Amino acid sequence: MAQQPSTNRAVAQNRRAQYDYFIDEKIEAGIMLVGTEVKALREGKASLSESWAGPRDGELWLHNCYIPEYGNSGHFNHVPTRPRKLLLHRKEVDKLMGAAKRQGVTIVPMSIYFNDRGIAKVLLGLARGKRQVDKRQTTKDREWDRQKARVLRDRG
């Protein structure tokens, strides 16, 4: 049976994460949302720029993720930056929390998207912080790759 191409549609991406951190591993997690949050996400409105994931009461929570209020909901709306519980298996939660404590890594949300079944998912990254020198090198490498692609494209 042939693999169907993935139709995951990114709703929000944290573009600064690739710049500020070395991403060691990526893990997909579910997220507990209320109805108006899902509707706002389906409209493509969300921001992960200042968000982070961390432990609370032995579970993993997404903090500071901005999902705006849904306009057509009337007065039954949600708080835009409330903490949202991340849905992971116990082993995955223990692995992430252990790595964050022992190895000094950060759990960074990379993107929010809807999977093939229409369920909202969060892509988490185990990240180590970059220093300023590393950020400059990343920028140089990216510019060199663009320049190389231009030269190859122009030559034929």
Foldseek 3Di string as FASTA:
>chain_A
DDDDDWPKDFLEFAPCDVLFWDFDDKDKWAWDDDDQLLVLSVVSDWYQPPWFWDDDPLFIKIFQIARDWRPPPPPPTDDGGDIITIHDDSVVSVVLHVCCPPVVWGWGWGTWIATPVRGIMTMITGTDGDDPVVSVVVVVVVVVVVVVVVVVVVVD
